PDB file of N, CA and C in Angstrom:
ATOM      1  N   MET A   1      24.339 -14.056 -30.886  1.00  0.00           N
ATOM      2  CA  MET A   1      23.520 -14.534 -29.785  1.00  0.00           C
ATOM      3  C   MET A   1      23.307 -13.436 -28.755  1.00  0.00           C
ATOM      4  N   GLY A   2      24.317 -12.626 -28.489  1.00  0.00           N
ATOM      5  CA  GLY A   2      24.227 -11.578 -27.489  1.00  0.00           C
ATOM      6  C   GLY A   2      23.217 -10.512 -27.878  1.00  0.00           C
ATOM      7  N   THR A   3      23.162 -10.134 -29.112  1.00  0.00           N
ATOM      8  CA  THR A   3      22.206  -9.105 -29.526  1.00  0.00           C
ATOM      9  C   THR A   3      20.789  -9.655 -29.558  1.00  0.00           C
ATOM     10  N   LEU A   4      20.644 -10.929 -29.898  1.00  0.00           N
ATOM     11  CA  LEU A   4      19.329 -11.549 -29.905  1.00  0.00           C
ATOM     12  C   LEU A   4      18.765 -11.632 -28.479  1.00  0.00           C
ATOM     13  N   PHE A   5      19.643 -11.963 -27.520  1.00  0.00           N
ATOM     14  CA  PHE A   5      19.205 -12.036 -26.126  1.00  0.00           C
ATOM     15  C   PHE A   5      18.821 -10.650 -25.610  1.00  0.00           C
ATOM     16  N   ASN A   6      19.627  -9.648 -25.901  1.00  0.00           N
ATOM     17  CA  ASN A   6      19.324  -8.288 -25.447  1.00  0.00           C
ATOM     18  C   ASN A   6      18.040  -7.766 -26.086  1.00  0.00           C
ATOM     19  N   LYS A   7      17.778  -8.169 -27.317  1.00  0.00           N
ATOM     20  CA  LYS A   7      16.598  -7.683 -28.018  1.00  0.00           C
ATOM     21  C   LYS A   7      15.311  -8.266 -27.426  1.00  0.00           C
ATOM     22  N   TYR A   8      15.346  -9.535 -27.028  1.00  0.00           N
ATOM     23  CA  TYR A   8      14.148 -10.211 -26.519  1.00  0.00           C
ATOM     24  C   TYR A   8      14.248 -10.546 -25.023  1.00  0.00           C
ATOM     25  N   LYS A   9      15.082  -9.825 -24.290  1.00  0.00           N
ATOM     26  CA  LYS A   9      15.299 -10.114 -22.871  1.00  0.00           C
ATOM     27  C   LYS A   9      14.006  -9.924 -22.056  1.00  0.00           C
ATOM     28  N   THR A  10      13.257  -8.885 -22.320  1.00  0.00           N
ATOM     29  CA  THR A  10      12.029  -8.616 -21.571  1.00  0.00           C
ATOM     30  C   THR A  10      11.003  -9.713 -21.811  1.00  0.00           C
ATOM     31  N   TYR A  11      10.826 -10.111 -23.059  1.00  0.00           N
ATOM     32  CA  TYR A  11       9.870 -11.172 -23.378  1.00  0.00           C
ATOM     33  C   TYR A  11      10.288 -12.488 -22.741  1.00  0.00           C
ATOM     34  N   LEU A  12      11.582 -12.777 -22.753  1.00  0.00           N
ATOM     35  CA  LEU A  12      12.080 -14.017 -22.179  1.00  0.00           C
ATOM     36  C   LEU A  12      11.854 -14.041 -20.666  1.00  0.00           C
ATOM     37  N   LEU A  13      12.108 -12.917 -19.991  1.00  0.00           N
ATOM     38  CA  LEU A  13      11.891 -12.860 -18.553  1.00  0.00           C
ATOM     39  C   LEU A  13      10.411 -13.011 -18.199  1.00  0.00           C
ATOM     40  N   VAL A  14       9.519 -12.438 -19.000  1.00  0.00           N
ATOM     41  CA  VAL A  14       8.083 -12.570 -18.753  1.00  0.00           C
ATOM     42  C   VAL A  14       7.653 -14.024 -18.915  1.00  0.00           C
ATOM     43  N   VAL A  15       8.129 -14.689 -19.953  1.00  0.00           N
ATOM     44  CA  VAL A  15       7.776 -16.090 -20.204  1.00  0.00           C
ATOM     45  C   VAL A  15       8.305 -16.969 -19.076  1.00  0.00           C
ATOM     46  N   VAL A  16       9.534 -16.757 -18.642  1.00  0.00           N
ATOM     47  CA  VAL A  16      10.103 -17.552 -17.555  1.00  0.00           C
ATOM     48  C   VAL A  16       9.321 -17.299 -16.262  1.00  0.00           C
ATOM     49  N   GLY A  17       8.952 -16.064 -15.995  1.00  0.00           N
ATOM     50  CA  GLY A  17       8.160 -15.744 -14.810  1.00  0.00           C
ATOM     51  C   GLY A  17       6.811 -16.428 -14.827  1.00  0.00           C
ATOM     52  N   VAL A  18       6.143 -16.429 -15.988  1.00  0.00           N
ATOM     53  CA  VAL A  18       4.842 -17.083 -16.101  1.00  0.00           C
ATOM     54  C   VAL A  18       4.979 -18.582 -15.887  1.00  0.00           C
ATOM     55  N   VAL A  19       6.024 -19.176 -16.432  1.00  0.00           N
ATOM     56  CA  VAL A  19       6.242 -20.615 -16.259  1.00  0.00           C
ATOM     57  C   VAL A  19       6.495 -20.936 -14.781  1.00  0.00           C
ATOM     58  N   VAL A  20       7.255 -20.102 -14.091  1.00  0.00           N
ATOM     59  CA  VAL A  20       7.529 -20.335 -12.675  1.00  0.00           C
ATOM     60  C   VAL A  20       6.236 -20.211 -11.854  1.00  0.00           C
ATOM     61  N   VAL A  21       5.420 -19.186 -12.141  1.00  0.00           N
ATOM     62  CA  VAL A  21       4.162 -19.003 -11.421  1.00  0.00           C
ATOM     63  C   VAL A  21       3.229 -20.182 -11.665  1.00  0.00           C
ATOM     64  N   ILE A  22       3.137 -20.653 -12.889  1.00  0.00           N
ATOM     65  CA  ILE A  22       2.289 -21.806 -13.201  1.00  0.00           C
ATOM     66  C   ILE A  22       2.803 -23.053 -12.489  1.00  0.00           C
ATOM     67  N   GLY A  23       4.116 -23.234 -12.441  1.00  0.00           N
ATOM     68  CA  GLY A  23       4.696 -24.391 -11.753  1.00  0.00           C
ATOM     69  C   GLY A  23       4.410 -24.370 -10.263  1.00  0.00           C
ATOM     70  N   VAL A  24       4.532 -23.211  -9.636  1.00  0.00           N
ATOM     71  CA  VAL A  24       4.245 -23.102  -8.207  1.00  0.00           C
ATOM     72  C   VAL A  24       2.769 -23.344  -7.948  1.00  0.00           C
ATOM     73  N   TRP A  25       1.912 -22.773  -8.774  1.00  0.00           N
ATOM     74  CA  TRP A  25       0.460 -22.969  -8.602  1.00  0.00           C
ATOM     75  C   TRP A  25       0.091 -24.432  -8.772  1.00  0.00           C
ATOM     76  N   TRP A  26       0.675 -25.089  -9.751  1.00  0.00           N
ATOM     77  CA  TRP A  26       0.362 -26.491 -10.022  1.00  0.00           C
ATOM     78  C   TRP A  26       0.848 -27.385  -8.884  1.00  0.00           C
ATOM     79  N   SER A  27       2.009 -27.060  -8.293  1.00  0.00           N
ATOM     80  CA  SER A  27       2.522 -27.904  -7.210  1.00  0.00           C
ATOM     81  C   SER A  27       1.676 -27.767  -5.949  1.00  0.00           C
ATOM     82  N   PHE A  28       1.123 -26.571  -5.695  1.00  0.00           N
ATOM     83  CA  PHE A  28       0.279 -26.397  -4.513  1.00  0.00           C
ATOM     84  C   PHE A  28      -1.136 -26.906  -4.727  1.00  0.00           C
ATOM     85  N   SER A  29      -1.597 -26.972  -5.948  1.00  0.00           N
ATOM     86  CA  SER A  29      -2.967 -27.404  -6.186  1.00  0.00           C
ATOM     87  C   SER A  29      -3.057 -28.857  -6.643  1.00  0.00           C
ATOM     88  N   SER A  30      -1.997 -29.607  -6.474  1.00  0.00           N
ATOM     89  CA  SER A  30      -2.030 -31.008  -6.897  1.00  0.00           C
ATOM     90  C   SER A  30      -2.956 -31.790  -5.975  1.00  0.00           C
ATOM     91  N   ASP A  31      -3.377 -32.934  -6.396  1.00  0.00           N
ATOM     92  CA  ASP A  31      -4.316 -33.766  -5.646  1.00  0.00           C
ATOM     93  C   ASP A  31      -3.574 -34.602  -4.609  1.00  0.00           C
ATOM     94  N   ALA A  32      -2.947 -33.936  -3.668  1.00  0.00           N
ATOM     95  CA  ALA A  32      -2.258 -34.628  -2.587  1.00  0.00           C
ATOM     96  C   ALA A  32      -3.289 -35.040  -1.547  1.00  0.00           C
ATOM     97  N   PRO A  33      -3.067 -36.163  -0.878  1.00  0.00           N
ATOM     98  CA  PRO A  33      -4.020 -36.563   0.155  1.00  0.00           C
ATOM     99  C   PRO A  33      -4.009 -35.532   1.285  1.00  0.00           C
ATOM    100  N   SER A  34      -5.178 -35.066   1.615  1.00  0.00           N
ATOM    101  CA  SER A  34      -5.266 -34.033   2.655  1.00  0.00           C
ATOM    102  C   SER A  34      -5.412 -34.694   4.009  1.00  0.00           C
ATOM    103  N   ASN A  35      -4.684 -34.160   4.961  1.00  0.00           N
ATOM    104  CA  ASN A  35      -4.783 -34.632   6.337  1.00  0.00           C
ATOM    105  C   ASN A  35      -5.722 -33.687   7.060  1.00  0.00           C
ATOM    106  N   SER A  36      -6.980 -33.856   6.818  1.00  0.00           N
ATOM    107  CA  SER A  36      -7.983 -32.958   7.366  1.00  0.00           C
ATOM    108  C   SER A  36      -8.135 -33.162   8.859  1.00  0.00           C
ATOM    109  N   LEU A  37      -8.365 -32.064   9.569  1.00  0.00           N
ATOM    110  CA  LEU A  37      -8.586 -32.143  11.003  1.00  0.00           C
ATOM    111  C   LEU A  37     -10.034 -32.491  11.329  1.00  0.00           C
ATOM    112  N   LEU A  38     -10.901 -32.428  10.337  1.00  0.00           N
ATOM    113  CA  LEU A  38     -12.299 -32.753  10.554  1.00  0.00           C
ATOM    114  C   LEU A  38     -12.488 -34.259  10.477  1.00  0.00           C
ATOM    115  N   THR A  39     -13.083 -34.827  11.498  1.00  0.00           N
ATOM    116  CA  THR A  39     -13.356 -36.249  11.504  1.00  0.00           C
ATOM    117  C   THR A  39     -14.801 -36.457  11.917  1.00  0.00           C
ATOM    118  N   THR A  40     -15.310 -37.602  11.584  1.00  0.00           N
ATOM    119  CA  THR A  40     -16.672 -37.931  11.979  1.00  0.00           C
ATOM    120  C   THR A  40     -16.609 -39.014  13.033  1.00  0.00           C
ATOM    121  N   GLN A  41     -17.544 -38.965  13.948  1.00  0.00           N
ATOM    122  CA  GLN A  41     -17.607 -39.966  14.994  1.00  0.00           C
ATOM    123  C   GLN A  41     -18.875 -40.773  14.815  1.00  0.00           C
ATOM    124  N   GLY A  42     -18.765 -42.017  15.122  1.00  0.00           N
ATOM    125  CA  GLY A  42     -19.925 -42.890  15.046  1.00  0.00           C
ATOM    126  C   GLY A  42     -20.848 -42.657  16.229  1.00  0.00           C
ATOM    127  N   ALA A  43     -22.001 -43.290  16.208  1.00  0.00           N
ATOM    128  CA  ALA A  43     -22.984 -43.135  17.278  1.00  0.00           C
ATOM    129  C   ALA A  43     -22.491 -43.750  18.577  1.00  0.00           C
ATOM    130  N   SER A  44     -21.594 -44.725  18.507  1.00  0.00           N
ATOM    131  CA  SER A  44     -21.123 -45.384  19.726  1.00  0.00           C
ATOM    132  C   SER A  44     -20.258 -44.452  20.566  1.00  0.00           C
ATOM    133  N   ASN A  45     -19.533 -43.502  19.934  1.00  0.00           N
ATOM    134  CA  ASN A  45     -18.679 -42.587  20.681  1.00  0.00           C
ATOM    135  C   ASN A  45     -19.479 -41.465  21.339  1.00  0.00           C
ATOM    136  N   SER A  46     -20.635 -41.130  20.804  1.00  0.00           N
ATOM    137  CA  SER A  46     -21.376 -39.987  21.326  1.00  0.00           C
ATOM    138  C   SER A  46     -22.065 -40.296  22.649  1.00  0.00           C
ATOM    139  N   THR A  47     -22.359 -41.557  22.947  1.00  0.00           N
ATOM    140  CA  THR A  47     -23.045 -41.869  24.205  1.00  0.00           C
ATOM    141  C   THR A  47     -22.141 -41.650  25.394  1.00  0.00           C
ATOM    142  N   GLY A  48     -20.839 -41.884  25.280  1.00  0.00           N
ATOM    143  CA  GLY A  48     -19.903 -41.657  26.378  1.00  0.00           C
ATOM    144  C   GLY A  48     -19.804 -40.180  26.713  1.00  0.00           C
ATOM    145  N   GLY A  49     -19.783 -39.308  25.706  1.00  0.00           N
ATOM    146  CA  GLY A  49     -19.712 -37.872  25.924  1.00  0.00           C
ATOM    147  C   GLY A  49     -20.986 -37.338  26.527  1.00  0.00           C
ATOM    148  N   ASP A  50     -22.128 -37.907  26.124  1.00  0.00           N
ATOM    149  CA  ASP A  50     -23.408 -37.471  26.683  1.00  0.00           C
ATOM    150  C   ASP A  50     -23.513 -37.836  28.158  1.00  0.00           C
ATOM    151  N   LYS A  51     -23.000 -38.997  28.512  1.00  0.00           N
ATOM    152  CA  LYS A  51     -23.053 -39.422  29.914  1.00  0.00           C
ATOM    153  C   LYS A  51     -22.198 -38.495  30.767  1.00  0.00           C
ATOM    154  N   ASP A  52     -21.029 -38.100  30.277  1.00  0.00           N
ATOM    155  CA  ASP A  52     -20.177 -37.182  31.029  1.00  0.00           C
ATOM    156  C   ASP A  52     -20.861 -35.836  31.214  1.00  0.00           C
ATOM    157  N   LEU A  53     -21.532 -35.364  30.184  1.00  0.00           N
ATOM    158  CA  LEU A  53     -22.239 -34.087  30.271  1.00  0.00           C
ATOM    159  C   LEU A  53     -23.366 -34.147  31.285  1.00  0.00           C
ATOM    160  N   VAL A  54     -24.118 -35.239  31.287  1.00  0.00           N
ATOM    161  CA  VAL A  54     -25.218 -35.402  32.239  1.00  0.00           C
ATOM    162  C   VAL A  54     -24.672 -35.474  33.659  1.00  0.00           C
ATOM    163  N   ASP A  55     -23.571 -36.198  33.869  1.00  0.00           N
ATOM    164  CA  ASP A  55     -22.970 -36.276  35.203  1.00  0.00           C
ATOM    165  C   ASP A  55     -22.530 -34.894  35.689  1.00  0.00           C
ATOM    166  N   THR A  56     -21.938 -34.097  34.818  1.00  0.00           N
ATOM    167  CA  THR A  56     -21.505 -32.754  35.196  1.00  0.00           C
ATOM    168  C   THR A  56     -22.697 -31.874  35.542  1.00  0.00           C
ATOM    169  N   LEU A  57     -23.756 -31.971  34.765  1.00  0.00           N
ATOM    170  CA  LEU A  57     -24.955 -31.181  35.059  1.00  0.00           C
ATOM    171  C   LEU A  57     -25.598 -31.592  36.379  1.00  0.00           C
ATOM    172  N   LEU A  58     -25.574 -32.874  36.694  1.00  0.00           N
ATOM    173  CA  LEU A  58     -26.122 -33.331  37.976  1.00  0.00           C
ATOM    174  C   LEU A  58     -25.275 -32.833  39.150  1.00  0.00           C
ATOM    175  N   GLN A  59     -23.964 -32.770  38.977  1.00  0.00           N
ATOM    176  CA  GLN A  59     -23.101 -32.233  40.023  1.00  0.00           C
ATOM    177  C   GLN A  59     -23.359 -30.741  40.224  1.00  0.00           C
ATOM    178  N   LEU A  60     -23.591 -30.012  39.144  1.00  0.00           N
ATOM    179  CA  LEU A  60     -23.865 -28.580  39.256  1.00  0.00           C
ATOM    180  C   LEU A  60     -25.216 -28.310  39.919  1.00  0.00           C
ATOM    181  N   ARG A  61     -26.140 -29.227  39.790  1.00  0.00           N
ATOM    182  CA  ARG A  61     -27.459 -29.051  40.391  1.00  0.00           C
ATOM    183  C   ARG A  61     -27.368 -29.056  41.914  1.00  0.00           C
ATOM    184  N   THR A  62     -26.373 -29.769  42.472  1.00  0.00           N
ATOM    185  CA  THR A  62     -26.245 -29.859  43.921  1.00  0.00           C
ATOM    186  C   THR A  62     -25.591 -28.625  44.529  1.00  0.00           C
ATOM    187  N   VAL A  63     -25.066 -27.714  43.726  1.00  0.00           N
ATOM    188  CA  VAL A  63     -24.430 -26.507  44.254  1.00  0.00           C
ATOM    189  C   VAL A  63     -25.500 -25.561  44.757  1.00  0.00           C
ATOM    190  N   SER A  64     -25.302 -25.050  45.971  1.00  0.00           N
ATOM    191  CA  SER A  64     -26.272 -24.099  46.531  1.00  0.00           C
ATOM    192  C   SER A  64     -25.584 -22.756  46.742  1.00  0.00           C
ATOM    193  N   LEU A  65     -26.293 -21.697  46.465  1.00  0.00           N
ATOM    194  CA  LEU A  65     -25.789 -20.346  46.657  1.00  0.00           C
ATOM    195  C   LEU A  65     -26.533 -19.723  47.831  1.00  0.00           C
ATOM    196  N   SER A  66     -26.034 -19.991  49.016  1.00  0.00           N
ATOM    197  CA  SER A  66     -26.740 -19.540  50.214  1.00  0.00           C
ATOM    198  C   SER A  66     -26.307 -18.150  50.662  1.00  0.00           C
ATOM    199  N   GLY A  67     -25.146 -17.689  50.284  1.00  0.00           N
ATOM    200  CA  GLY A  67     -24.681 -16.368  50.678  1.00  0.00           C
ATOM    201  C   GLY A  67     -23.891 -16.366  51.970  1.00  0.00           C
ATOM    202  N   THR A  68     -23.546 -17.530  52.515  1.00  0.00           N
ATOM    203  CA  THR A  68     -22.782 -17.584  53.759  1.00  0.00           C
ATOM    204  C   THR A  68     -21.351 -17.115  53.570  1.00  0.00           C
ATOM    205  N   ILE A  69     -20.866 -17.087  52.347  1.00  0.00           N
ATOM    206  CA  ILE A  69     -19.495 -16.634  52.104  1.00  0.00           C
ATOM    207  C   ILE A  69     -19.321 -15.164  52.462  1.00  0.00           C
ATOM    208  N   PHE A  70     -20.396 -14.390  52.381  1.00  0.00           N
ATOM    209  CA  PHE A  70     -20.300 -12.962  52.678  1.00  0.00           C
ATOM    210  C   PHE A  70     -20.095 -12.696  54.167  1.00  0.00           C
ATOM    211  N   SER A  71     -20.456 -13.628  55.024  1.00  0.00           N
ATOM    212  CA  SER A  71     -20.250 -13.459  56.461  1.00  0.00           C
ATOM    213  C   SER A  71     -18.922 -14.056  56.922  1.00  0.00           C
ATOM    214  N   ASP A  72     -18.166 -14.649  56.029  1.00  0.00           N
ATOM    215  CA  ASP A  72     -16.873 -15.237  56.363  1.00  0.00           C
ATOM    216  C   ASP A  72     -15.851 -14.125  56.633  1.00  0.00           C
ATOM    217  N   PRO A  73     -15.021 -14.223  57.682  1.00  0.00           N
ATOM    218  CA  PRO A  73     -14.023 -13.188  57.968  1.00  0.00           C
ATOM    219  C   PRO A  73     -12.995 -13.015  56.844  1.00  0.00           C
ATOM    220  N   SER A  74     -12.696 -14.082  56.112  1.00  0.00           N
ATOM    221  CA  SER A  74     -11.760 -13.968  54.995  1.00  0.00           C
ATOM    222  C   SER A  74     -12.321 -13.067  53.912  1.00  0.00           C
ATOM    223  N   PHE A  75     -13.607 -13.151  53.671  1.00  0.00           N
ATOM    224  CA  PHE A  75     -14.236 -12.292  52.671  1.00  0.00           C
ATOM    225  C   PHE A  75     -14.237 -10.838  53.136  1.00  0.00           C
ATOM    226  N   ALA A  76     -14.422 -10.613  54.423  1.00  0.00           N
ATOM    227  CA  ALA A  76     -14.460  -9.254  54.963  1.00  0.00           C
ATOM    228  C   ALA A  76     -13.089  -8.583  54.880  1.00  0.00           C
ATOM    229  N   ARG A  77     -11.996  -9.359  54.868  1.00  0.00           N
ATOM    230  CA  ARG A  77     -10.653  -8.786  54.787  1.00  0.00           C
ATOM    231  C   ARG A  77     -10.220  -8.443  53.372  1.00  0.00           C
ATOM    232  N   LEU A  78     -10.976  -8.804  52.373  1.00  0.00           N
ATOM    233  CA  LEU A  78     -10.613  -8.483  50.992  1.00  0.00           C
ATOM    234  C   LEU A  78     -10.619  -6.976  50.788  1.00  0.00           C
ATOM    235  N   GLN A  79      -9.667  -6.495  49.980  1.00  0.00           N
ATOM    236  CA  GLN A  79      -9.552  -5.065  49.723  1.00  0.00           C
ATOM    237  C   GLN A  79      -9.865  -4.781  48.263  1.00  0.00           C
ATOM    238  N   ASP A  80     -10.436  -3.615  48.027  1.00  0.00           N
ATOM    239  CA  ASP A  80     -10.753  -3.183  46.670  1.00  0.00           C
ATOM    240  C   ASP A  80      -9.616  -2.298  46.170  1.00  0.00           C
ATOM    241  N   PHE A  81      -8.963  -2.698  45.095  1.00  0.00           N
ATOM    242  CA  PHE A  81      -7.859  -1.936  44.518  1.00  0.00           C
ATOM    243  C   PHE A  81      -8.291  -1.201  43.253  1.00  0.00           C
ATOM    244  N   ALA A  82      -9.569  -0.951  43.088  1.00  0.00           N
ATOM    245  CA  ALA A  82     -10.075  -0.293  41.891  1.00  0.00           C
ATOM    246  C   ALA A  82      -9.673   1.182  41.885  1.00  0.00           C
ATOM    247  N   THR A  83      -9.475   1.724  40.705  1.00  0.00           N
ATOM    248  CA  THR A  83      -9.171   3.136  40.534  1.00  0.00           C
ATOM    249  C   THR A  83     -10.475   3.917  40.535  1.00  0.00           C
ATOM    250  N   PRO A  84     -10.571   4.965  41.351  1.00  0.00           N
ATOM    251  CA  PRO A  84     -11.820   5.721  41.364  1.00  0.00           C
ATOM    252  C   PRO A  84     -12.039   6.446  40.040  1.00  0.00           C
ATOM    253  N   ILE A  85     -13.287   6.523  39.621  1.00  0.00           N
ATOM    254  CA  ILE A  85     -13.635   7.190  38.373  1.00  0.00           C
ATOM    255  C   ILE A  85     -13.890   8.659  38.663  1.00  0.00           C
ATOM    256  N   VAL A  86     -13.129   9.513  38.005  1.00  0.00           N
ATOM    257  CA  VAL A  86     -13.253  10.948  38.193  1.00  0.00           C
ATOM    258  C   VAL A  86     -14.291  11.474  37.214  1.00  0.00           C
ATOM    259  N   PRO A  87     -15.285  12.239  37.686  1.00  0.00           N
ATOM    260  CA  PRO A  87     -16.278  12.769  36.747  1.00  0.00           C
ATOM    261  C   PRO A  87     -15.654  13.799  35.813  1.00  0.00           C
ATOM    262  N   GLU A  88     -15.988  13.707  34.544  1.00  0.00           N
ATOM    263  CA  GLU A  88     -15.476  14.608  33.515  1.00  0.00           C
ATOM    264  C   GLU A  88     -16.602  15.506  33.033  1.00  0.00           C
ATOM    265  N   PRO A  89     -16.271  16.713  32.533  1.00  0.00           N
ATOM    266  CA  PRO A  89     -17.328  17.577  32.005  1.00  0.00           C
ATOM    267  C   PRO A  89     -17.941  16.983  30.740  1.00  0.00           C
ATOM    268  N   ILE A  90     -19.210  17.282  30.536  1.00  0.00           N
ATOM    269  CA  ILE A  90     -19.921  16.776  29.368  1.00  0.00           C
ATOM    270  C   ILE A  90     -19.492  17.587  28.152  1.00  0.00           C
ATOM    271  N   GLY A  91     -19.258  16.917  27.045  1.00  0.00           N
ATOM    272  CA  GLY A  91     -18.823  17.577  25.818  1.00  0.00           C
ATOM    273  C   GLY A  91     -19.989  18.063  24.985  1.00  0.00           C
ATOM    274  N   ARG A  92     -19.728  18.228  23.700  1.00  0.00           N
ATOM    275  CA  ARG A  92     -20.755  18.714  22.790  1.00  0.00           C
ATOM    276  C   ARG A  92     -21.805  17.639  22.555  1.00  0.00           C
ATOM    277  N   PRO A  93     -23.025  18.030  22.181  1.00  0.00           N
ATOM    278  CA  PRO A  93     -24.067  17.031  21.910  1.00  0.00           C
ATOM    279  C   PRO A  93     -23.696  16.121  20.745  1.00  0.00           C
ATOM    280  N   ASN A  94     -23.096  16.682  19.710  1.00  0.00           N
ATOM    281  CA  ASN A  94     -22.650  15.891  18.562  1.00  0.00           C
ATOM    282  C   ASN A  94     -21.172  16.191  18.350  1.00  0.00           C
ATOM    283  N   PRO A  95     -20.271  15.327  18.802  1.00  0.00           N
ATOM    284  CA  PRO A  95     -18.844  15.623  18.691  1.00  0.00           C
ATOM    285  C   PRO A  95     -18.337  15.590  17.256  1.00  0.00           C
ATOM    286  N   PHE A  96     -19.112  15.052  16.339  1.00  0.00           N
ATOM    287  CA  PHE A  96     -18.667  14.970  14.948  1.00  0.00           C
ATOM    288  C   PHE A  96     -19.177  16.124  14.103  1.00  0.00           C
ATOM    289  N   ALA A  97     -19.984  16.981  14.670  1.00  0.00           N
ATOM    290  CA  ALA A  97     -20.489  18.135  13.932  1.00  0.00           C
ATOM    291  C   ALA A  97     -19.346  19.125  13.728  1.00  0.00           C
ATOM    292  N   PRO A  98     -19.333  19.826  12.597  1.00  0.00           N
ATOM    293  CA  PRO A  98     -18.245  20.786  12.365  1.00  0.00           C
ATOM    294  C   PRO A  98     -18.323  21.946  13.362  1.00  0.00           C
ATOM    295  N   LEU A  99     -17.176  22.455  13.712  1.00  0.00           N
ATOM    296  CA  LEU A  99     -17.111  23.597  14.610  1.00  0.00           C
ATOM    297  C   LEU A  99     -17.488  24.852  13.836  1.00  0.00           C
ATOM    298  N   THR A 100     -18.285  25.695  14.449  1.00  0.00           N
ATOM    299  CA  THR A 100     -18.641  26.957  13.810  1.00  0.00           C
ATOM    300  C   THR A 100     -18.082  28.084  14.652  1.00  0.00           C
ATOM    301  N   TYR A 101     -17.523  29.081  14.000  1.00  0.00           N
ATOM    302  CA  TYR A 101     -16.919  30.218  14.680  1.00  0.00           C
ATOM    303  C   TYR A 101     -17.616  31.486  14.222  1.00  0.00           C
ATOM    304  N   ARG A 102     -17.650  32.480  15.114  1.00  0.00           N
ATOM    305  CA  ARG A 102     -18.192  33.784  14.740  1.00  0.00           C
ATOM    306  C   ARG A 102     -17.130  34.833  15.026  1.00  0.00           C
ATOM    307  N   ALA A 103     -17.101  35.841  14.201  1.00  0.00           N
ATOM    308  CA  ALA A 103     -16.112  36.902  14.351  1.00  0.00           C
ATOM    309  C   ALA A 103     -16.564  37.861  15.444  1.00  0.00           C
ATOM    310  N   THR A 104     -15.636  38.215  16.308  1.00  0.00           N
ATOM    311  CA  THR A 104     -15.928  39.205  17.346  1.00  0.00           C
ATOM    312  C   THR A 104     -14.908  40.320  17.241  1.00  0.00           C
ATOM    313  N   THR A 105     -15.328  41.475  17.598  1.00  0.00           N
ATOM    314  CA  THR A 105     -14.417  42.623  17.513  1.00  0.00           C
ATOM    315  C   THR A 105     -14.170  43.238  18.864  1.00  0.00           C
ATOM    316  N   THR A 106     -14.520  42.526  19.920  1.00  0.00           N
ATOM    317  CA  THR A 106     -14.309  43.095  21.247  1.00  0.00           C
ATOM    318  C   THR A 106     -12.851  42.994  21.624  1.00  0.00           C
ATOM    319  N   GLU A 107     -12.389  43.932  22.375  1.00  0.00           N
ATOM    320  CA  GLU A 107     -10.996  43.975  22.810  1.00  0.00           C
ATOM    321  C   GLU A 107     -10.766  43.003  23.964  1.00  0.00           C
ATOM    322  N   GLU A 108     -11.834  42.634  24.660  1.00  0.00           N
ATOM    323  CA  GLU A 108     -11.702  41.827  25.862  1.00  0.00           C
ATOM    324  C   GLU A 108     -11.345  40.380  25.566  1.00  0.00           C
ATOM    325  N   SER A 109     -11.795  39.858  24.424  1.00  0.00           N
ATOM    326  CA  SER A 109     -11.597  38.431  24.167  1.00  0.00           C
ATOM    327  C   SER A 109     -10.143  38.109  23.863  1.00  0.00           C
ATOM    328  N   GLY A 110      -9.403  39.029  23.286  1.00  0.00           N
ATOM    329  CA  GLY A 110      -7.995  38.779  23.012  1.00  0.00           C
ATOM    330  C   GLY A 110      -7.756  38.072  21.692  1.00  0.00           C
ATOM    331  N   SER A 111      -8.773  37.586  21.025  1.00  0.00           N
ATOM    332  CA  SER A 111      -8.602  36.959  19.717  1.00  0.00           C
ATOM    333  C   SER A 111      -9.705  37.430  18.794  1.00  0.00           C
ATOM    334  N   LEU A 112      -9.489  37.251  17.527  1.00  0.00           N
ATOM    335  CA  LEU A 112     -10.457  37.702  16.537  1.00  0.00           C
ATOM    336  C   LEU A 112     -11.642  36.754  16.462  1.00  0.00           C
ATOM    337  N   PHE A 113     -11.409  35.460  16.633  1.00  0.00           N
ATOM    338  CA  PHE A 113     -12.475  34.465  16.532  1.00  0.00           C
ATOM    339  C   PHE A 113     -12.633  33.748  17.855  1.00  0.00           C
ATOM    340  N   THR A 114     -13.856  33.558  18.260  1.00  0.00           N
ATOM    341  CA  THR A 114     -14.136  32.766  19.468  1.00  0.00           C
ATOM    342  C   THR A 114     -15.129  31.684  19.089  1.00  0.00           C
ATOM    343  N   PRO A 115     -14.986  30.503  19.664  1.00  0.00           N
ATOM    344  CA  PRO A 115     -15.912  29.419  19.307  1.00  0.00           C
ATOM    345  C   PRO A 115     -17.305  29.682  19.869  1.00  0.00           C
ATOM    346  N   LEU A 116     -18.296  29.225  19.127  1.00  0.00           N
ATOM    347  CA  LEU A 116     -19.675  29.324  19.598  1.00  0.00           C
ATOM    348  C   LEU A 116     -19.868  28.340  20.730  1.00  0.00           C
ATOM    349  N   THR A 117     -20.655  28.702  21.681  1.00  0.00           N
ATOM    350  CA  THR A 117     -20.963  27.791  22.780  1.00  0.00           C
ATOM    351  C   THR A 117     -22.313  27.157  22.544  1.00  0.00           C
ATOM    352  N   PHE A 118     -22.455  25.948  23.016  1.00  0.00           N
ATOM    353  CA  PHE A 118     -23.712  25.220  22.826  1.00  0.00           C
ATOM    354  C   PHE A 118     -24.454  25.126  24.112  1.00  0.00           C
TER     355      PHE A 118
END
């Protein structure tokens, strides 16, 4: 029995693995009653929601934006805590274009290659 098991151990493990995978798949795909979150409402429920929406829209219609809040002393005491934006130098026209270098032989530059300027 021991030599037979050792001889077919790989095949046996593959078969057991396939059976386990099929069992798990079958248990998750069974025809269990689903508790769906999607529900349908009848026409009688929709009239109550429409009335609430209309009431809210009518309340919003009465709001006036006269601008008197800007003359209020409380508004004048508000402080701006924004960070100032520091201007940065403009970069290359196409930042994704490959860099091109030219060889220079001047002693002043200090290096053999200097980047081309645009």
